Amino acid sequence: MRMPIADILAAWHIGSMAPINLIVAADEPAIFFASLEDAERWMEPIDVAEGVYSAAFGPAGEPHTVSTDGTSVSIRQTGDAPQPDALRAVILRYLAAIGETAGDDVGLPALLDRCSQSYG
């Protein structure tokens, strides 16, 4: 299965040892970033304005907003309650897209570790 170019480019931001600190759902299953700043630099304002990024989460499911002023991208934690089930669904879609499965008993840290390894 071919990896979308966004997945390949986002892999550059993670490396094999960097922790995943932001998970973004987009028109590909997921894009992973080591930092909010990396994501803000990588995302294009036009894509944000057009709604390409449907959700963003911290590693425990903390929801984030992705916005633009037309020139730059801003990502901020919303302060709302974590949504680990929504994040888990995004990660499972990503793993399925790369041909991996995970049992119901696998926690978020282990799932994120598998995602980090797939980019490494």
PDB file of N, CA and C in Angstrom:
ATOM      1  N   MET A   1       0.846  -1.181   0.000  1.00  0.00           N
ATOM      2  CA  MET A   1       0.000   0.000   0.000  1.00  0.00           C
ATOM      3  C   MET A   1       0.889   1.242   0.000  1.00  0.00           C
ATOM      4  N   ARG A   2       0.581   2.193  -0.831  1.00  0.00           N
ATOM      5  CA  ARG A   2       1.336   3.442  -0.906  1.00  0.00           C
ATOM      6  C   ARG A   2       1.027   4.343   0.267  1.00  0.00           C
ATOM      7  N   MET A   3       2.065   4.959   0.832  1.00  0.00           N
ATOM      8  CA  MET A   3       1.863   5.950   1.893  1.00  0.00           C
ATOM      9  C   MET A   3       1.615   7.300   1.244  1.00  0.00           C
ATOM     10  N   PRO A   4       0.599   8.044   1.679  1.00  0.00           N
ATOM     11  CA  PRO A   4       0.389   9.391   1.142  1.00  0.00           C
ATOM     12  C   PRO A   4       1.619  10.253   1.410  1.00  0.00           C
ATOM     13  N   ILE A   5       1.883  11.176   0.503  1.00  0.00           N
ATOM     14  CA  ILE A   5       3.048  12.048   0.635  1.00  0.00           C
ATOM     15  C   ILE A   5       3.047  12.787   1.967  1.00  0.00           C
ATOM     16  N   ALA A   6       1.886  13.144   2.479  1.00  0.00           N
ATOM     17  CA  ALA A   6       1.826  13.832   3.772  1.00  0.00           C
ATOM     18  C   ALA A   6       2.385  12.945   4.879  1.00  0.00           C
ATOM     19  N   ASP A   7       2.125  11.628   4.816  1.00  0.00           N
ATOM     20  CA  ASP A   7       2.668  10.724   5.821  1.00  0.00           C
ATOM     21  C   ASP A   7       4.186  10.681   5.735  1.00  0.00           C
ATOM     22  N   ILE A   8       4.693  10.631   4.530  1.00  0.00           N
ATOM     23  CA  ILE A   8       6.140  10.577   4.345  1.00  0.00           C
ATOM     24  C   ILE A   8       6.783  11.864   4.855  1.00  0.00           C
ATOM     25  N   LEU A   9       6.202  13.003   4.513  1.00  0.00           N
ATOM     26  CA  LEU A   9       6.757  14.277   4.963  1.00  0.00           C
ATOM     27  C   LEU A   9       6.625  14.442   6.466  1.00  0.00           C
ATOM     28  N   ALA A  10       5.520  14.021   7.039  1.00  0.00           N
ATOM     29  CA  ALA A  10       5.343  14.143   8.481  1.00  0.00           C
ATOM     30  C   ALA A  10       6.334  13.263   9.218  1.00  0.00           C
ATOM     31  N   ALA A  11       6.744  12.158   8.617  1.00  0.00           N
ATOM     32  CA  ALA A  11       7.714  11.278   9.250  1.00  0.00           C
ATOM     33  C   ALA A  11       9.010  12.020   9.539  1.00  0.00           C
ATOM     34  N   TRP A  12       9.337  12.954   8.722  1.00  0.00           N
ATOM     35  CA  TRP A  12      10.548  13.736   8.917  1.00  0.00           C
ATOM     36  C   TRP A  12      10.510  14.482  10.245  1.00  0.00           C
ATOM     37  N   HIS A  13       9.331  14.865  10.682  1.00  0.00           N
ATOM     38  CA  HIS A  13       9.189  15.629  11.920  1.00  0.00           C
ATOM     39  C   HIS A  13       9.289  14.762  13.164  1.00  0.00           C
ATOM     40  N   ILE A  14       9.171  13.460  13.032  1.00  0.00           N
ATOM     41  CA  ILE A  14       9.162  12.595  14.196  1.00  0.00           C
ATOM     42  C   ILE A  14      10.519  11.953  14.434  1.00  0.00           C
ATOM     43  N   GLY A  15      11.081  11.345  13.417  1.00  0.00           N
ATOM     44  CA  GLY A  15      12.292  10.572  13.627  1.00  0.00           C
ATOM     45  C   GLY A  15      11.963   9.324  14.423  1.00  0.00           C
ATOM     46  N   SER A  16      12.925   8.434  14.564  1.00  0.00           N
ATOM     47  CA  SER A  16      12.637   7.160  15.212  1.00  0.00           C
ATOM     48  C   SER A  16      12.631   7.259  16.733  1.00  0.00           C
ATOM     49  N   MET A  17      13.217   8.304  17.319  1.00  0.00           N
ATOM     50  CA  MET A  17      13.328   8.372  18.763  1.00  0.00           C
ATOM     51  C   MET A  17      12.462   9.467  19.389  1.00  0.00           C
ATOM     52  N   ALA A  18      11.976  10.402  18.621  1.00  0.00           N
ATOM     53  CA  ALA A  18      11.210  11.517  19.171  1.00  0.00           C
ATOM     54  C   ALA A  18       9.822  11.054  19.595  1.00  0.00           C
ATOM     55  N   PRO A  19       9.338  11.531  20.738  1.00  0.00           N
ATOM     56  CA  PRO A  19       7.983  11.174  21.150  1.00  0.00           C
ATOM     57  C   PRO A  19       6.946  11.886  20.275  1.00  0.00           C
ATOM     58  N   ILE A  20       5.792  11.285  20.175  1.00  0.00           N
ATOM     59  CA  ILE A  20       4.688  11.896  19.449  1.00  0.00           C
ATOM     60  C   ILE A  20       3.930  12.785  20.423  1.00  0.00           C
ATOM     61  N   ASN A  21       3.831  14.072  20.113  1.00  0.00           N
ATOM     62  CA  ASN A  21       3.142  15.012  20.989  1.00  0.00           C
ATOM     63  C   ASN A  21       1.902  15.630  20.362  1.00  0.00           C
ATOM     64  N   LEU A  22       1.672  15.357  19.076  1.00  0.00           N
ATOM     65  CA  LEU A  22       0.462  15.836  18.416  1.00  0.00           C
ATOM     66  C   LEU A  22       0.086  14.840  17.334  1.00  0.00           C
ATOM     67  N   ILE A  23      -1.183  14.463  17.334  1.00  0.00           N
ATOM     68  CA  ILE A  23      -1.734  13.558  16.335  1.00  0.00           C
ATOM     69  C   ILE A  23      -2.846  14.313  15.631  1.00  0.00           C
ATOM     70  N   VAL A  24      -2.764  14.394  14.311  1.00  0.00           N
ATOM     71  CA  VAL A  24      -3.730  15.164  13.535  1.00  0.00           C
ATOM     72  C   VAL A  24      -4.449  14.244  12.562  1.00  0.00           C
ATOM     73  N   ALA A  25      -5.773  14.276  12.596  1.00  0.00           N
ATOM     74  CA  ALA A  25      -6.585  13.555  11.613  1.00  0.00           C
ATOM     75  C   ALA A  25      -6.763  14.483  10.422  1.00  0.00           C
ATOM     76  N   ALA A  26      -6.571  13.922   9.250  1.00  0.00           N
ATOM     77  CA  ALA A  26      -6.678  14.714   8.024  1.00  0.00           C
ATOM     78  C   ALA A  26      -7.302  13.843   6.952  1.00  0.00           C
ATOM     79  N   ASP A  27      -7.062  14.201   5.687  1.00  0.00           N
ATOM     80  CA  ASP A  27      -7.609  13.371   4.626  1.00  0.00           C
ATOM     81  C   ASP A  27      -6.809  12.082   4.470  1.00  0.00           C
ATOM     82  N   GLU A  28      -5.650  11.969   5.119  1.00  0.00           N
ATOM     83  CA  GLU A  28      -4.997  10.680   5.301  1.00  0.00           C
ATOM     84  C   GLU A  28      -5.318  10.253   6.734  1.00  0.00           C
ATOM     85  N   PRO A  29      -5.103   9.001   7.094  1.00  0.00           N
ATOM     86  CA  PRO A  29      -5.571   8.561   8.414  1.00  0.00           C
ATOM     87  C   PRO A  29      -5.043   9.373   9.594  1.00  0.00           C
ATOM     88  N   ALA A  30      -3.767   9.714   9.604  1.00  0.00           N
ATOM     89  CA  ALA A  30      -3.209  10.490  10.709  1.00  0.00           C
ATOM     90  C   ALA A  30      -1.848  11.030  10.311  1.00  0.00           C
ATOM     91  N   ILE A  31      -1.511  12.155  10.912  1.00  0.00           N
ATOM     92  CA  ILE A  31      -0.184  12.741  10.746  1.00  0.00           C
ATOM     93  C   ILE A  31       0.338  12.960  12.163  1.00  0.00           C
ATOM     94  N   PHE A  32       1.588  12.600  12.408  1.00  0.00           N
ATOM     95  CA  PHE A  32       2.173  12.640  13.743  1.00  0.00           C
ATOM     96  C   PHE A  32       3.288  13.672  13.781  1.00  0.00           C
ATOM     97  N   PHE A  33       3.330  14.420  14.885  1.00  0.00           N
ATOM     98  CA  PHE A  33       4.343  15.455  15.050  1.00  0.00           C
ATOM     99  C   PHE A  33       4.980  15.352  16.424  1.00  0.00           C
ATOM    100  N   ALA A  34       6.246  15.712  16.496  1.00  0.00           N
ATOM    101  CA  ALA A  34       6.975  15.722  17.756  1.00  0.00           C
ATOM    102  C   ALA A  34       6.607  16.943  18.598  1.00  0.00           C
ATOM    103  N   SER A  35       6.152  18.029  17.953  1.00  0.00           N
ATOM    104  CA  SER A  35       5.798  19.241  18.701  1.00  0.00           C
ATOM    105  C   SER A  35       4.718  20.022  17.962  1.00  0.00           C
ATOM    106  N   LEU A  36       4.041  20.896  18.704  1.00  0.00           N
ATOM    107  CA  LEU A  36       3.052  21.789  18.093  1.00  0.00           C
ATOM    108  C   LEU A  36       3.741  22.695  17.078  1.00  0.00           C
ATOM    109  N   GLU A  37       4.930  23.167  17.429  1.00  0.00           N
ATOM    110  CA  GLU A  37       5.665  24.074  16.548  1.00  0.00           C
ATOM    111  C   GLU A  37       5.998  23.404  15.217  1.00  0.00           C
ATOM    112  N   ASP A  38       6.396  22.128  15.264  1.00  0.00           N
ATOM    113  CA  ASP A  38       6.662  21.397  14.023  1.00  0.00           C
ATOM    114  C   ASP A  38       5.407  21.346  13.154  1.00  0.00           C
ATOM    115  N   ALA A  39       4.279  21.059  13.784  1.00  0.00           N
ATOM    116  CA  ALA A  39       3.020  20.968  13.045  1.00  0.00           C
ATOM    117  C   ALA A  39       2.635  22.323  12.457  1.00  0.00           C
ATOM    118  N   GLU A  40       2.789  23.382  13.236  1.00  0.00           N
ATOM    119  CA  GLU A  40       2.445  24.729  12.750  1.00  0.00           C
ATOM    120  C   GLU A  40       3.301  25.116  11.549  1.00  0.00           C
ATOM    121  N   ARG A  41       4.572  24.754  11.577  1.00  0.00           N
ATOM    122  CA  ARG A  41       5.453  25.065  10.443  1.00  0.00           C
ATOM    123  C   ARG A  41       5.124  24.209   9.227  1.00  0.00           C
ATOM    124  N   TRP A  42       4.718  22.965   9.454  1.00  0.00           N
ATOM    125  CA  TRP A  42       4.482  22.030   8.361  1.00  0.00           C
ATOM    126  C   TRP A  42       3.141  22.261   7.655  1.00  0.00           C
ATOM    127  N   MET A  43       2.106  22.589   8.422  1.00  0.00           N
ATOM    128  CA  MET A  43       0.770  22.768   7.851  1.00  0.00           C
ATOM    129  C   MET A  43       0.704  24.043   7.019  1.00  0.00           C
ATOM    130  N   GLU A  44      -0.059  23.969   5.945  1.00  0.00           N
ATOM    131  CA  GLU A  44      -0.256  25.140   5.095  1.00  0.00           C
ATOM    132  C   GLU A  44      -1.550  25.845   5.485  1.00  0.00           C
ATOM    133  N   PRO A  45      -1.500  27.172   5.617  1.00  0.00           N
ATOM    134  CA  PRO A  45      -2.705  27.915   6.000  1.00  0.00           C
ATOM    135  C   PRO A  45      -3.912  27.626   5.118  1.00  0.00           C
ATOM    136  N   ILE A  46      -3.699  27.463   3.819  1.00  0.00           N
ATOM    137  CA  ILE A  46      -4.847  27.202   2.921  1.00  0.00           C
ATOM    138  C   ILE A  46      -5.526  25.889   3.276  1.00  0.00           C
ATOM    139  N   ASP A  47      -4.728  24.865   3.644  1.00  0.00           N
ATOM    140  CA  ASP A  47      -5.320  23.586   4.031  1.00  0.00           C
ATOM    141  C   ASP A  47      -6.128  23.716   5.323  1.00  0.00           C
ATOM    142  N   VAL A  48      -5.617  24.500   6.261  1.00  0.00           N
ATOM    143  CA  VAL A  48      -6.351  24.730   7.508  1.00  0.00           C
ATOM    144  C   VAL A  48      -7.666  25.443   7.199  1.00  0.00           C
ATOM    145  N   ALA A  49      -7.597  26.482   6.376  1.00  0.00           N
ATOM    146  CA  ALA A  49      -8.801  27.255   6.018  1.00  0.00           C
ATOM    147  C   ALA A  49      -9.834  26.384   5.307  1.00  0.00           C
ATOM    148  N   GLU A  50      -9.362  25.412   4.526  1.00  0.00           N
ATOM    149  CA  GLU A  50     -10.274  24.532   3.786  1.00  0.00           C
ATOM    150  C   GLU A  50     -10.747  23.332   4.609  1.00  0.00           C
ATOM    151  N   GLY A  51     -10.321  23.243   5.867  1.00  0.00           N
ATOM    152  CA  GLY A  51     -10.804  22.183   6.747  1.00  0.00           C
ATOM    153  C   GLY A  51     -10.189  20.818   6.521  1.00  0.00           C
ATOM    154  N   VAL A  52      -8.978  20.765   5.977  1.00  0.00           N
ATOM    155  CA  VAL A  52      -8.322  19.488   5.719  1.00  0.00           C
ATOM    156  C   VAL A  52      -8.066  18.721   7.016  1.00  0.00           C
ATOM    157  N   TYR A  53      -7.747  19.440   8.091  1.00  0.00           N
ATOM    158  CA  TYR A  53      -7.415  18.805   9.360  1.00  0.00           C
ATOM    159  C   TYR A  53      -8.669  18.763  10.229  1.00  0.00           C
ATOM    160  N   SER A  54      -9.218  17.556  10.379  1.00  0.00           N
ATOM    161  CA  SER A  54     -10.519  17.426  11.035  1.00  0.00           C
ATOM    162  C   SER A  54     -10.435  17.331  12.554  1.00  0.00           C
ATOM    163  N   ALA A  55      -9.295  16.955  13.095  1.00  0.00           N
ATOM    164  CA  ALA A  55      -9.145  16.854  14.548  1.00  0.00           C
ATOM    165  C   ALA A  55      -7.661  16.817  14.882  1.00  0.00           C
ATOM    166  N   ALA A  56      -7.338  17.279  16.086  1.00  0.00           N
ATOM    167  CA  ALA A  56      -5.960  17.224  16.575  1.00  0.00           C
ATOM    168  C   ALA A  56      -5.990  16.899  18.058  1.00  0.00           C
ATOM    169  N   PHE A  57      -5.050  16.042  18.466  1.00  0.00           N
ATOM    170  CA  PHE A  57      -5.015  15.569  19.852  1.00  0.00           C
ATOM    171  C   PHE A  57      -3.593  15.517  20.388  1.00  0.00           C
ATOM    172  N   GLY A  58      -3.474  15.735  21.693  1.00  0.00           N
ATOM    173  CA  GLY A  58      -2.239  15.430  22.392  1.00  0.00           C
ATOM    174  C   GLY A  58      -2.191  13.932  22.635  1.00  0.00           C
ATOM    175  N   PRO A  59      -1.093  13.426  23.181  1.00  0.00           N
ATOM    176  CA  PRO A  59      -0.909  11.975  23.317  1.00  0.00           C
ATOM    177  C   PRO A  59      -1.859  11.283  24.303  1.00  0.00           C
ATOM    178  N   ALA A  60      -2.554  12.029  25.137  1.00  0.00           N
ATOM    179  CA  ALA A  60      -3.543  11.430  26.042  1.00  0.00           C
ATOM    180  C   ALA A  60      -4.966  11.738  25.576  1.00  0.00           C
ATOM    181  N   GLY A  61      -5.100  12.267  24.363  1.00  0.00           N
ATOM    182  CA  GLY A  61      -6.419  12.589  23.822  1.00  0.00           C
ATOM    183  C   GLY A  61      -6.848  14.017  24.073  1.00  0.00           C
ATOM    184  N   GLU A  62      -5.920  14.882  24.507  1.00  0.00           N
ATOM    185  CA  GLU A  62      -6.266  16.279  24.743  1.00  0.00           C
ATOM    186  C   GLU A  62      -6.601  16.947  23.413  1.00  0.00           C
ATOM    187  N   PRO A  63      -7.836  17.462  23.268  1.00  0.00           N
ATOM    188  CA  PRO A  63      -8.221  18.078  21.999  1.00  0.00           C
ATOM    189  C   PRO A  63      -7.511  19.420  21.786  1.00  0.00           C
ATOM    190  N   HIS A  64      -7.165  19.666  20.541  1.00  0.00           N
ATOM    191  CA  HIS A  64      -6.516  20.914  20.132  1.00  0.00           C
ATOM    192  C   HIS A  64      -7.312  21.533  18.988  1.00  0.00           C
ATOM    193  N   THR A  65      -7.215  22.841  18.869  1.00  0.00           N
ATOM    194  CA  THR A  65      -7.781  23.525  17.706  1.00  0.00           C
ATOM    195  C   THR A  65      -6.643  23.855  16.750  1.00  0.00           C
ATOM    196  N   VAL A  66      -6.971  23.830  15.484  1.00  0.00           N
ATOM    197  CA  VAL A  66      -6.029  24.215  14.438  1.00  0.00           C
ATOM    198  C   VAL A  66      -6.682  25.377  13.702  1.00  0.00           C
ATOM    199  N   SER A  67      -6.008  26.533  13.691  1.00  0.00           N
ATOM    200  CA  SER A  67      -6.577  27.717  13.058  1.00  0.00           C
ATOM    201  C   SER A  67      -5.512  28.431  12.243  1.00  0.00           C
ATOM    202  N   THR A  68      -5.971  29.379  11.440  1.00  0.00           N
ATOM    203  CA  THR A  68      -5.047  30.169  10.630  1.00  0.00           C
ATOM    204  C   THR A  68      -5.554  31.601  10.532  1.00  0.00           C
ATOM    205  N   ASP A  69      -4.603  32.506  10.384  1.00  0.00           N
ATOM    206  CA  ASP A  69      -4.935  33.898  10.103  1.00  0.00           C
ATOM    207  C   ASP A  69      -4.744  34.188   8.615  1.00  0.00           C
ATOM    208  N   GLY A  70      -4.515  33.128   7.848  1.00  0.00           N
ATOM    209  CA  GLY A  70      -4.283  33.249   6.411  1.00  0.00           C
ATOM    210  C   GLY A  70      -2.808  33.269   6.059  1.00  0.00           C
ATOM    211  N   THR A  71      -1.962  33.542   7.041  1.00  0.00           N
ATOM    212  CA  THR A  71      -0.520  33.596   6.814  1.00  0.00           C
ATOM    213  C   THR A  71       0.210  32.506   7.581  1.00  0.00           C
ATOM    214  N   SER A  72      -0.227  32.250   8.801  1.00  0.00           N
ATOM    215  CA  SER A  72       0.415  31.238   9.631  1.00  0.00           C
ATOM    216  C   SER A  72      -0.640  30.337  10.263  1.00  0.00           C
ATOM    217  N   VAL A  73      -0.170  29.221  10.794  1.00  0.00           N
ATOM    218  CA  VAL A  73      -1.045  28.240  11.435  1.00  0.00           C
ATOM    219  C   VAL A  73      -0.799  28.294  12.937  1.00  0.00           C
ATOM    220  N   SER A  74      -1.873  28.169  13.708  1.00  0.00           N
ATOM    221  CA  SER A  74      -1.790  28.170  15.166  1.00  0.00           C
ATOM    222  C   SER A  74      -2.502  26.932  15.702  1.00  0.00           C
ATOM    223  N   ILE A  75      -1.850  26.234  16.609  1.00  0.00           N
ATOM    224  CA  ILE A  75      -2.439  25.047  17.232  1.00  0.00           C
ATOM    225  C   ILE A  75      -2.403  25.255  18.737  1.00  0.00           C
ATOM    226  N   ARG A  76      -3.556  25.102  19.371  1.00  0.00           N
ATOM    227  CA  ARG A  76      -3.658  25.311  20.812  1.00  0.00           C
ATOM    228  C   ARG A  76      -4.536  24.229  21.428  1.00  0.00           C
ATOM    229  N   GLN A  77      -4.196  23.853  22.645  1.00  0.00           N
ATOM    230  CA  GLN A  77      -5.029  22.931  23.401  1.00  0.00           C
ATOM    231  C   GLN A  77      -6.321  23.654  23.768  1.00  0.00           C
ATOM    232  N   THR A  78      -7.465  22.961  23.641  1.00  0.00           N
ATOM    233  CA  THR A  78      -8.750  23.604  23.890  1.00  0.00           C
ATOM    234  C   THR A  78      -9.051  23.770  25.371  1.00  0.00           C
ATOM    235  N   GLY A  79      -8.492  22.923  26.206  1.00  0.00           N
ATOM    236  CA  GLY A  79      -8.832  22.930  27.629  1.00  0.00           C
ATOM    237  C   GLY A  79     -10.006  22.019  27.942  1.00  0.00           C
ATOM    238  N   ASP A  80     -10.618  21.449  26.907  1.00  0.00           N
ATOM    239  CA  ASP A  80     -11.710  20.502  27.111  1.00  0.00           C
ATOM    240  C   ASP A  80     -11.154  19.185  27.654  1.00  0.00           C
ATOM    241  N   ALA A  81     -12.032  18.356  28.154  1.00  0.00           N
ATOM    242  CA  ALA A  81     -11.637  17.051  28.690  1.00  0.00           C
ATOM    243  C   ALA A  81     -10.970  16.207  27.609  1.00  0.00           C
ATOM    244  N   PRO A  82      -9.980  15.421  27.995  1.00  0.00           N
ATOM    245  CA  PRO A  82      -9.345  14.522  27.025  1.00  0.00           C
ATOM    246  C   PRO A  82     -10.368  13.600  26.377  1.00  0.00           C
ATOM    247  N   GLN A  83     -10.091  13.232  25.141  1.00  0.00           N
ATOM    248  CA  GLN A  83     -10.956  12.351  24.362  1.00  0.00           C
ATOM    249  C   GLN A  83     -10.154  11.136  23.898  1.00  0.00           C
ATOM    250  N   PRO A  84      -9.747  10.279  24.846  1.00  0.00           N
ATOM    251  CA  PRO A  84      -8.896   9.147  24.472  1.00  0.00           C
ATOM    252  C   PRO A  84      -9.550   8.197  23.473  1.00  0.00           C
ATOM    253  N   ASP A  85     -10.868   8.037  23.533  1.00  0.00           N
ATOM    254  CA  ASP A  85     -11.535   7.142  22.587  1.00  0.00           C
ATOM    255  C   ASP A  85     -11.483   7.698  21.165  1.00  0.00           C
ATOM    256  N   ALA A  86     -11.637   9.003  21.016  1.00  0.00           N
ATOM    257  CA  ALA A  86     -11.540   9.619  19.687  1.00  0.00           C
ATOM    258  C   ALA A  86     -10.119   9.500  19.148  1.00  0.00           C
ATOM    259  N   LEU A  87      -9.128   9.734  20.011  1.00  0.00           N
ATOM    260  CA  LEU A  87      -7.738   9.581  19.583  1.00  0.00           C
ATOM    261  C   LEU A  87      -7.452   8.131  19.216  1.00  0.00           C
ATOM    262  N   ARG A  88      -7.930   7.220  20.014  1.00  0.00           N
ATOM    263  CA  ARG A  88      -7.724   5.794  19.719  1.00  0.00           C
ATOM    264  C   ARG A  88      -8.290   5.435  18.343  1.00  0.00           C
ATOM    265  N   ALA A  89      -9.462   5.959  18.014  1.00  0.00           N
ATOM    266  CA  ALA A  89     -10.072   5.680  16.714  1.00  0.00           C
ATOM    267  C   ALA A  89      -9.186   6.199  15.567  1.00  0.00           C
ATOM    268  N   VAL A  90      -8.606   7.390  15.743  1.00  0.00           N
ATOM    269  CA  VAL A  90      -7.707   7.947  14.725  1.00  0.00           C
ATOM    270  C   VAL A  90      -6.486   7.051  14.556  1.00  0.00           C
ATOM    271  N   ILE A  91      -5.907   6.624  15.667  1.00  0.00           N
ATOM    272  CA  ILE A  91      -4.711   5.785  15.607  1.00  0.00           C
ATOM    273  C   ILE A  91      -5.029   4.429  14.981  1.00  0.00           C
ATOM    274  N   LEU A  92      -6.152   3.845  15.336  1.00  0.00           N
ATOM    275  CA  LEU A  92      -6.522   2.550  14.760  1.00  0.00           C
ATOM    276  C   LEU A  92      -6.753   2.650  13.260  1.00  0.00           C
ATOM    277  N   ARG A  93      -7.336   3.769  12.793  1.00  0.00           N
ATOM    278  CA  ARG A  93      -7.496   3.980  11.339  1.00  0.00           C
ATOM    279  C   ARG A  93      -6.132   4.047  10.666  1.00  0.00           C
ATOM    280  N   TYR A  94      -5.200   4.745  11.300  1.00  0.00           N
ATOM    281  CA  TYR A  94      -3.846   4.836  10.747  1.00  0.00           C
ATOM    282  C   TYR A  94      -3.204   3.447  10.681  1.00  0.00           C
ATOM    283  N   LEU A  95      -3.255   2.702  11.789  1.00  0.00           N
ATOM    284  CA  LEU A  95      -2.639   1.382  11.801  1.00  0.00           C
ATOM    285  C   LEU A  95      -3.267   0.464  10.752  1.00  0.00           C
ATOM    286  N   ALA A  96      -4.580   0.524  10.605  1.00  0.00           N
ATOM    287  CA  ALA A  96      -5.249  -0.287   9.586  1.00  0.00           C
ATOM    288  C   ALA A  96      -4.770   0.101   8.183  1.00  0.00           C
ATOM    289  N   ALA A  97      -4.552   1.400   7.956  1.00  0.00           N
ATOM    290  CA  ALA A  97      -4.104   1.868   6.643  1.00  0.00           C
ATOM    291  C   ALA A  97      -2.717   1.358   6.299  1.00  0.00           C
ATOM    292  N   ILE A  98      -1.886   1.095   7.323  1.00  0.00           N
ATOM    293  CA  ILE A  98      -0.548   0.572   7.037  1.00  0.00           C
ATOM    294  C   ILE A  98      -0.485  -0.944   7.217  1.00  0.00           C
ATOM    295  N   GLY A  99      -1.665  -1.558   7.375  1.00  0.00           N
ATOM    296  CA  GLY A  99      -1.744  -3.013   7.428  1.00  0.00           C
ATOM    297  C   GLY A  99      -1.476  -3.633   8.780  1.00  0.00           C
ATOM    298  N   GLU A 100      -1.634  -2.866   9.859  1.00  0.00           N
ATOM    299  CA  GLU A 100      -1.441  -3.396  11.206  1.00  0.00           C
ATOM    300  C   GLU A 100      -2.766  -3.405  11.950  1.00  0.00           C
ATOM    301  N   THR A 101      -2.848  -4.289  12.918  1.00  0.00           N
ATOM    302  CA  THR A 101      -4.025  -4.339  13.781  1.00  0.00           C
ATOM    303  C   THR A 101      -3.581  -4.222  15.233  1.00  0.00           C
ATOM    304  N   ALA A 102      -4.506  -3.889  16.091  1.00  0.00           N
ATOM    305  CA  ALA A 102      -4.225  -3.796  17.521  1.00  0.00           C
ATOM    306  C   ALA A 102      -5.441  -4.305  18.284  1.00  0.00           C
ATOM    307  N   GLY A 103      -5.193  -5.035  19.331  1.00  0.00           N
ATOM    308  CA  GLY A 103      -6.276  -5.551  20.160  1.00  0.00           C
ATOM    309  C   GLY A 103      -6.892  -4.465  21.022  1.00  0.00           C
ATOM    310  N   ASP A 104      -8.063  -4.749  21.535  1.00  0.00           N
ATOM    311  CA  ASP A 104      -8.775  -3.798  22.388  1.00  0.00           C
ATOM    312  C   ASP A 104      -8.035  -3.502  23.691  1.00  0.00           C
ATOM    313  N   ASP A 105      -7.135  -4.390  24.075  1.00  0.00           N
ATOM    314  CA  ASP A 105      -6.428  -4.228  25.344  1.00  0.00           C
ATOM    315  C   ASP A 105      -5.158  -3.378  25.221  1.00  0.00           C
ATOM    316  N   VAL A 106      -4.811  -2.934  24.023  1.00  0.00           N
ATOM    317  CA  VAL A 106      -3.607  -2.137  23.818  1.00  0.00           C
ATOM    318  C   VAL A 106      -3.914  -0.679  24.168  1.00  0.00           C
ATOM    319  N   GLY A 107      -3.162  -0.113  25.109  1.00  0.00           N
ATOM    320  CA  GLY A 107      -3.387   1.254  25.567  1.00  0.00           C
ATOM    321  C   GLY A 107      -2.815   2.302  24.621  1.00  0.00           C
ATOM    322  N   LEU A 108      -3.192   3.556  24.850  1.00  0.00           N
ATOM    323  CA  LEU A 108      -2.713   4.654  24.003  1.00  0.00           C
ATOM    324  C   LEU A 108      -1.190   4.752  23.940  1.00  0.00           C
ATOM    325  N   PRO A 109      -0.464   4.660  25.065  1.00  0.00           N
ATOM    326  CA  PRO A 109       0.998   4.758  24.957  1.00  0.00           C
ATOM    327  C   PRO A 109       1.595   3.697  24.023  1.00  0.00           C
ATOM    328  N   ALA A 110       1.099   2.478  24.113  1.00  0.00           N
ATOM    329  CA  ALA A 110       1.608   1.412  23.251  1.00  0.00           C
ATOM    330  C   ALA A 110       1.218   1.649  21.789  1.00  0.00           C
ATOM    331  N   LEU A 111       0.009   2.138  21.560  1.00  0.00           N
ATOM    332  CA  LEU A 111      -0.410   2.442  20.191  1.00  0.00           C
ATOM    333  C   LEU A 111       0.458   3.551  19.591  1.00  0.00           C
ATOM    334  N   LEU A 112       0.720   4.590  20.381  1.00  0.00           N
ATOM    335  CA  LEU A 112       1.568   5.688  19.897  1.00  0.00           C
ATOM    336  C   LEU A 112       2.988   5.208  19.638  1.00  0.00           C
ATOM    337  N   ASP A 113       3.472   4.300  20.467  1.00  0.00           N
ATOM    338  CA  ASP A 113       4.802   3.736  20.248  1.00  0.00           C
ATOM    339  C   ASP A 113       4.848   2.991  18.920  1.00  0.00           C
ATOM    340  N   ARG A 114       3.807   2.247  18.612  1.00  0.00           N
ATOM    341  CA  ARG A 114       3.750   1.532  17.316  1.00  0.00           C
ATOM    342  C   ARG A 114       3.733   2.510  16.166  1.00  0.00           C
ATOM    343  N   CYS A 115       3.022   3.635  16.322  1.00  0.00           N
ATOM    344  CA  CYS A 115       2.991   4.644  15.271  1.00  0.00           C
ATOM    345  C   CYS A 115       4.374   5.273  15.092  1.00  0.00           C
ATOM    346  N   SER A 116       5.036   5.549  16.186  1.00  0.00           N
ATOM    347  CA  SER A 116       6.386   6.130  16.134  1.00  0.00           C
ATOM    348  C   SER A 116       7.344   5.175  15.435  1.00  0.00           C
ATOM    349  N   GLN A 117       7.242   3.890  15.731  1.00  0.00           N
ATOM    350  CA  GLN A 117       8.099   2.911  15.092  1.00  0.00           C
ATOM    351  C   GLN A 117       7.831   2.789  13.603  1.00  0.00           C
ATOM    352  N   SER A 118       6.570   2.955  13.204  1.00  0.00           N
ATOM    353  CA  SER A 118       6.239   2.834  11.782  1.00  0.00           C
ATOM    354  C   SER A 118       6.835   3.972  10.968  1.00  0.00           C
ATOM    355  N   TYR A 119       7.072   5.133  11.617  1.00  0.00           N
ATOM    356  CA  TYR A 119       7.699   6.256  10.949  1.00  0.00           C
ATOM    357  C   TYR A 119       9.217   6.185  11.005  1.00  0.00           C
ATOM    358  N   GLY A 120       9.742   5.459  11.991  1.00  0.00           N
ATOM    359  CA  GLY A 120      11.181   5.407  12.188  1.00  0.00           C
ATOM    360  C   GLY A 120      11.809   4.589  11.150  1.00  0.00           C
TER     361      GLY A 120
END
